[in-house]
């Protein structure tokens, strides 16, 4: 059963404890509200301001589990706070998985500051959870996939358009890397895991995956410099720095180009202008 008073109080206190800069928002010169505004939290949670405001006032319908998860992420809650929010809203908290979708507040604070850099947060299965605007400009929006297609490795072997990001001469390395990476996660998580399910699907659907899976390679790492082919700015050579959350098995990937190179200029052009969509 929903605890409306408790839910309203918890939401208000968590909102007031956050500052705009904590979530990557500008403070502005005339801000008087302690913490975030209700409409700012609503925008971060991708819901209407009216719906969120009614929750804080102890009114309105019971929020769905999807809405509660979105609010928890928008407020940068810890896993303990997220679970508490679910209980207040009358739901059982999600089962905690080593590679769940809830991003830790500390990683989100870093991510929110990367406004002028291509960056994304991914799971151990290559599922993109967050992207900066420049990441979307670089590779397209990768957060809208559902089911097995959420995994970049799955798309690599089942969707030919997934390969257009990289030069053809790099494709074999990516194939070996994705097969090797999935095998490593399967060994870690075991039979019955999501990794096991993905490997079974790929063995059914992709002859190329079957070839590299049979090779039983492990530890194939990404190259130091990744090459992307963009329809507007051409070839980009980018270094990738990785920050890992060992508790959630999430990785924050940050892409940079060497100053003074054509790739650095290409990123500058992507950041400065509208570019053709990858869709």
Protein backbone atom coordinates (compact mmCIF):
# COMPACT_ATOMS: atom_id res chain seq x y z
CA UNK A 1 0.00 0.00 0.00
CA UNK A 2 1.26 3.45 -0.90
CA UNK A 3 2.36 5.69 1.98
CA UNK A 4 1.37 9.03 0.48
CA UNK A 5 2.53 11.21 3.37
CA UNK A 6 5.85 9.38 3.66
CA UNK A 7 6.36 9.44 -0.10
CA UNK A 8 5.64 13.17 -0.31
CA UNK A 9 7.99 13.97 2.57
CA UNK A 10 10.83 11.82 1.24
CA UNK A 11 10.56 13.29 -2.26
CA UNK A 12 10.54 16.85 -0.95
CA UNK A 13 13.52 16.33 1.34
CA UNK A 14 15.60 14.61 -1.33
CA UNK A 15 14.73 17.34 -3.85
CA UNK A 16 15.69 20.11 -1.44
CA UNK A 17 18.99 18.37 -0.63
CA UNK A 18 20.12 18.50 -4.27
CA UNK A 19 21.72 21.55 -5.86
CA UNK A 20 21.45 22.30 -9.60
CA UNK A 21 25.16 21.69 -10.13
CA UNK A 22 24.76 18.23 -8.55
CA UNK A 23 22.69 17.14 -11.55
CA UNK A 24 24.39 19.15 -14.29
CA UNK A 25 21.94 22.09 -14.33
CA UNK A 26 22.86 25.81 -14.30
CA UNK A 27 22.12 27.61 -11.05
CA UNK A 28 20.95 30.90 -12.52
CA UNK A 29 21.21 34.33 -10.90
CA UNK A 30 17.74 34.56 -9.34
CA UNK A 31 17.36 31.13 -7.77
CA UNK A 32 15.73 31.27 -4.34
CA UNK A 33 14.33 27.76 -4.10
CA UNK A 34 16.29 25.53 -1.69
CA UNK A 35 17.61 22.66 -3.79
CA UNK A 36 15.97 21.76 -7.08
CA UNK A 37 12.62 22.98 -8.36
CA UNK A 38 9.82 20.47 -8.82
CA UNK A 39 9.78 21.04 -12.56
CA UNK A 40 13.52 20.31 -12.70
CA UNK A 41 13.06 16.95 -10.99
CA UNK A 42 10.16 16.17 -13.31
CA UNK A 43 12.33 16.93 -16.34
CA UNK A 44 15.16 14.76 -15.00
CA UNK A 45 12.66 11.93 -14.47
CA UNK A 46 11.02 12.45 -17.89
CA UNK A 47 7.51 13.04 -16.54
CA UNK A 48 5.08 15.93 -16.32
CA UNK A 49 5.59 18.61 -13.68
CA UNK A 50 1.94 18.28 -12.66
CA UNK A 51 2.26 14.55 -11.95
CA UNK A 52 5.42 14.98 -9.88
CA UNK A 53 3.99 17.95 -7.98
CA UNK A 54 0.91 15.95 -7.00
CA UNK A 55 3.15 13.22 -5.58
CA UNK A 56 4.96 15.76 -3.42
CA UNK A 57 1.60 17.03 -2.20
CA UNK A 58 0.40 13.54 -1.31
CA UNK A 59 -2.16 13.38 -4.10
CA UNK A 60 -2.60 11.78 -7.49
CA UNK A 61 -2.54 8.16 -8.66
CA UNK A 62 -0.04 5.60 -7.45
CA UNK A 63 3.11 5.90 -9.59
CA UNK A 64 4.06 2.85 -11.61
CA UNK A 65 7.28 0.96 -10.96
CA UNK A 66 8.75 2.53 -14.12
CA UNK A 67 7.92 6.01 -12.84
CA UNK A 68 9.39 5.30 -9.41
CA UNK A 69 12.60 4.05 -11.03
CA UNK A 70 12.76 7.20 -13.16
CA UNK A 71 12.26 9.45 -10.12
CA UNK A 72 14.93 7.56 -8.18
CA UNK A 73 17.41 8.09 -11.00
CA UNK A 74 16.40 11.73 -11.46
CA UNK A 75 16.98 12.43 -7.77
CA UNK A 76 20.34 10.60 -7.89
CA UNK A 77 19.28 8.21 -5.13
CA UNK A 78 21.51 5.48 -3.77
CA UNK A 79 20.30 1.88 -4.02
CA UNK A 80 19.13 1.99 -0.40
CA UNK A 81 17.22 5.22 -1.03
CA UNK A 82 15.79 3.80 -4.26
CA UNK A 83 14.49 0.71 -2.45
CA UNK A 84 12.95 2.92 0.26
CA UNK A 85 11.22 5.00 -2.41
CA UNK A 86 9.74 1.85 -3.99
CA UNK A 87 8.33 0.73 -0.63
CA UNK A 88 6.82 4.15 0.08
CA UNK A 89 5.16 4.03 -3.36
CA UNK A 90 3.64 0.62 -2.57
CA UNK A 91 5.93 -1.53 -4.71
CA UNK A 92 8.49 -4.22 -4.02
CA UNK A 93 12.01 -2.93 -4.73
CA UNK A 94 13.66 -4.37 -7.85
CA UNK A 95 15.88 -7.38 -7.34
CA UNK A 96 19.43 -6.13 -6.95
CA UNK A 97 21.61 -7.33 -9.77
CA UNK A 98 25.32 -6.80 -10.27
CA UNK A 99 24.51 -5.16 -13.60
CA UNK A 100 21.17 -3.47 -12.97
CA UNK A 101 20.05 -0.26 -14.67
CA UNK A 102 20.22 2.03 -11.63
CA UNK A 103 23.32 4.22 -11.98
CA UNK A 104 25.16 5.13 -8.78
CA UNK A 105 24.94 8.82 -7.72
CA UNK A 106 28.71 9.24 -7.77
CA UNK A 107 28.97 8.09 -11.37
CA UNK A 108 26.04 10.31 -12.35
CA UNK A 109 27.73 13.33 -10.76
CA UNK A 110 30.78 12.76 -12.96
CA UNK A 111 28.63 12.12 -16.02
CA UNK A 112 26.54 15.27 -15.50
CA UNK A 113 29.67 17.42 -15.75
CA UNK A 114 30.70 16.04 -19.14
CA UNK A 115 28.50 18.40 -21.11
CA UNK A 116 31.04 19.09 -23.88
CA UNK A 117 32.40 15.55 -24.28
CA UNK A 118 31.13 12.33 -25.88
CA UNK A 119 30.45 10.03 -22.93
CA UNK A 120 28.13 7.19 -22.07
CA UNK A 121 27.37 4.83 -19.19
CA UNK A 122 27.08 1.17 -20.17
CA UNK A 123 26.45 -2.13 -18.41
CA UNK A 124 28.77 -5.12 -18.57
CA UNK A 125 26.67 -6.39 -21.50
CA UNK A 126 27.16 -3.20 -23.50
CA UNK A 127 23.71 -1.73 -22.79
CA UNK A 128 23.80 2.07 -22.95
CA UNK A 129 22.06 3.65 -19.96
CA UNK A 130 23.08 7.31 -20.39
CA UNK A 131 24.59 9.43 -23.17
CA UNK A 132 25.75 13.01 -23.33
CA UNK A 133 24.38 15.09 -26.23
CA UNK A 134 27.75 14.94 -28.01
CA UNK A 135 27.72 11.15 -27.71
CA UNK A 136 24.32 11.10 -29.41
CA UNK A 137 25.70 13.36 -32.15
CA UNK A 138 28.64 11.00 -32.58
CA UNK A 139 26.99 7.56 -32.60
CA UNK A 140 23.23 8.15 -32.48
CA UNK A 141 20.82 7.55 -29.61
CA UNK A 142 21.64 4.11 -28.18
CA UNK A 143 19.33 4.25 -25.14
CA UNK A 144 16.04 3.42 -26.85
CA UNK A 145 16.62 -0.24 -27.69
CA UNK A 146 14.66 -2.96 -25.92
CA UNK A 147 15.17 -6.65 -25.24
CA UNK A 148 18.39 -8.32 -26.40
CA UNK A 149 19.02 -5.45 -28.83
CA UNK A 150 19.93 -3.24 -25.88
CA UNK A 151 23.34 -4.96 -26.01
CA UNK A 152 25.75 -3.44 -28.52
CA UNK A 153 27.40 -6.83 -28.91
CA UNK A 154 24.06 -8.42 -29.80
CA UNK A 155 23.35 -5.70 -32.37
CA UNK A 156 26.84 -6.12 -33.82
CA UNK A 157 26.07 -9.68 -34.90
CA UNK A 158 22.38 -9.26 -35.78
CA UNK A 159 21.93 -5.74 -37.18
CA UNK A 160 24.14 -4.73 -40.14
CA UNK A 161 23.59 -1.02 -39.41
CA UNK A 162 25.46 -1.39 -36.11
CA UNK A 163 28.72 -1.67 -38.06
CA UNK A 164 28.43 1.59 -39.96
CA UNK A 165 30.09 3.39 -37.03
CA UNK A 166 33.46 1.79 -37.73
CA UNK A 167 35.72 1.29 -40.78
CA UNK A 168 35.36 -2.18 -42.37
CA UNK A 169 38.98 -3.06 -41.61
CA UNK A 170 38.19 -2.78 -37.88
CA UNK A 171 35.17 -5.11 -37.97
CA UNK A 172 36.99 -8.37 -37.28
CA UNK A 173 38.56 -6.99 -34.12
CA UNK A 174 35.16 -5.85 -32.84
CA UNK A 175 33.65 -9.25 -33.59
CA UNK A 176 36.40 -11.00 -31.62
CA UNK A 177 36.12 -8.44 -28.82
CA UNK A 178 32.35 -8.76 -28.41
CA UNK A 179 32.44 -12.58 -28.45
CA UNK A 180 35.33 -12.59 -25.98
CA UNK A 181 33.63 -10.07 -23.70
CA UNK A 182 30.35 -11.99 -23.61
CA UNK A 183 32.22 -15.19 -22.79
CA UNK A 184 33.92 -13.43 -19.88
CA UNK A 185 30.63 -12.15 -18.47
CA UNK A 186 29.06 -15.60 -18.89
CA UNK A 187 31.92 -17.18 -16.92
CA UNK A 188 31.37 -14.58 -14.19
CA UNK A 189 27.57 -14.74 -14.01
CA UNK A 190 27.01 -18.41 -14.88
CA UNK A 191 24.19 -20.45 -16.47
CA UNK A 192 20.78 -18.83 -16.30
CA UNK A 193 22.24 -15.32 -16.46
CA UNK A 194 21.38 -12.67 -19.02
CA UNK A 195 24.80 -13.28 -20.56
CA UNK A 196 23.91 -16.95 -21.03
CA UNK A 197 20.62 -15.97 -22.68
CA UNK A 198 22.37 -13.59 -25.07
CA UNK A 199 24.97 -16.17 -26.04
CA UNK A 200 22.23 -18.74 -26.75
CA UNK A 201 20.36 -16.28 -28.97
CA UNK A 202 23.50 -15.33 -30.87
CA UNK A 203 24.50 -18.96 -31.39
CA UNK A 204 21.11 -19.47 -33.03
CA UNK A 205 21.15 -16.35 -35.18
CA UNK A 206 24.71 -15.57 -36.26
CA UNK A 207 27.13 -17.80 -38.12
CA UNK A 208 29.91 -15.27 -37.53
CA UNK A 209 29.27 -15.32 -33.79
CA UNK A 210 29.37 -19.12 -33.80
CA UNK A 211 32.78 -18.94 -35.49
CA UNK A 212 34.32 -16.59 -32.93
CA UNK A 213 32.57 -18.29 -30.00
CA UNK A 214 34.13 -21.59 -31.04
CA UNK A 215 37.55 -19.94 -30.95
CA UNK A 216 37.06 -19.53 -27.16
CA UNK A 217 39.09 -16.33 -27.00
CA UNK A 218 39.11 -14.33 -23.77
CA UNK A 219 40.52 -10.96 -22.82
CA UNK A 220 40.29 -9.29 -26.25
CA UNK A 221 40.44 -5.63 -25.27
CA UNK A 222 39.37 -2.48 -27.12
CA UNK A 223 42.14 -0.79 -29.04
CA UNK A 224 43.72 2.28 -27.47
CA UNK A 225 42.29 4.47 -30.24
CA UNK A 226 38.78 3.84 -31.55
CA UNK A 227 37.90 4.89 -35.09
CA UNK A 228 34.44 6.17 -36.01
CA UNK A 229 33.02 7.10 -39.40
CA UNK A 230 30.53 9.96 -39.11
CA UNK A 231 28.30 11.03 -42.05
CA UNK A 232 28.99 14.74 -41.47
CA UNK A 233 32.60 14.98 -40.28
CA UNK A 234 34.16 11.78 -41.61
CA UNK A 235 36.76 9.67 -39.82
CA UNK A 236 37.36 10.38 -36.13
CA UNK A 237 40.12 8.77 -34.07
CA UNK A 238 39.22 8.94 -30.38
CA UNK A 239 40.85 7.75 -27.17
CA UNK A 240 38.51 6.14 -24.64
CA UNK A 241 38.99 6.54 -20.88
CA UNK A 242 36.99 4.23 -18.61
CA UNK A 243 35.67 4.76 -15.07
CA UNK A 244 34.23 1.61 -13.49
CA UNK A 245 31.65 1.19 -10.75
CA UNK A 246 32.64 -2.21 -9.29
CA UNK A 247 29.38 -2.59 -7.35
CA UNK A 248 27.01 -2.12 -10.31
CA UNK A 249 29.41 -3.33 -13.03
CA UNK A 250 28.77 -0.12 -14.94
CA UNK A 251 31.39 1.67 -17.02
CA UNK A 252 31.58 5.37 -17.79
CA UNK A 253 33.21 5.76 -21.22
CA UNK A 254 34.70 9.17 -22.04
CA UNK A 255 35.96 9.85 -25.59
CA UNK A 256 38.57 12.50 -26.38
CA UNK A 257 40.62 13.57 -29.38
CA UNK A 258 44.20 14.83 -29.41
CA UNK A 259 44.17 18.66 -29.65
CA UNK A 260 45.20 20.01 -33.02
CA UNK A 261 44.18 16.91 -34.97
CA UNK A 262 41.39 16.60 -37.59
CA UNK A 263 39.48 14.43 -35.07
CA UNK A 264 39.59 17.25 -32.48
CA UNK A 265 38.23 19.65 -35.08
CA UNK A 266 35.58 17.10 -36.04
CA UNK A 267 34.32 16.88 -32.44
CA UNK A 268 34.26 20.67 -32.26
CA UNK A 269 32.08 20.78 -35.37
CA UNK A 270 29.75 18.13 -33.95
CA UNK A 271 29.35 20.14 -30.76
CA UNK A 272 28.74 23.41 -32.59
CA UNK A 273 26.18 22.45 -35.23
CA UNK A 274 23.22 20.23 -36.00
CA UNK A 275 24.36 17.14 -37.87
CA UNK A 276 22.63 14.40 -39.88
CA UNK A 277 20.84 11.87 -37.74
CA UNK A 278 22.04 8.28 -37.50
CA UNK A 279 18.42 7.11 -37.36
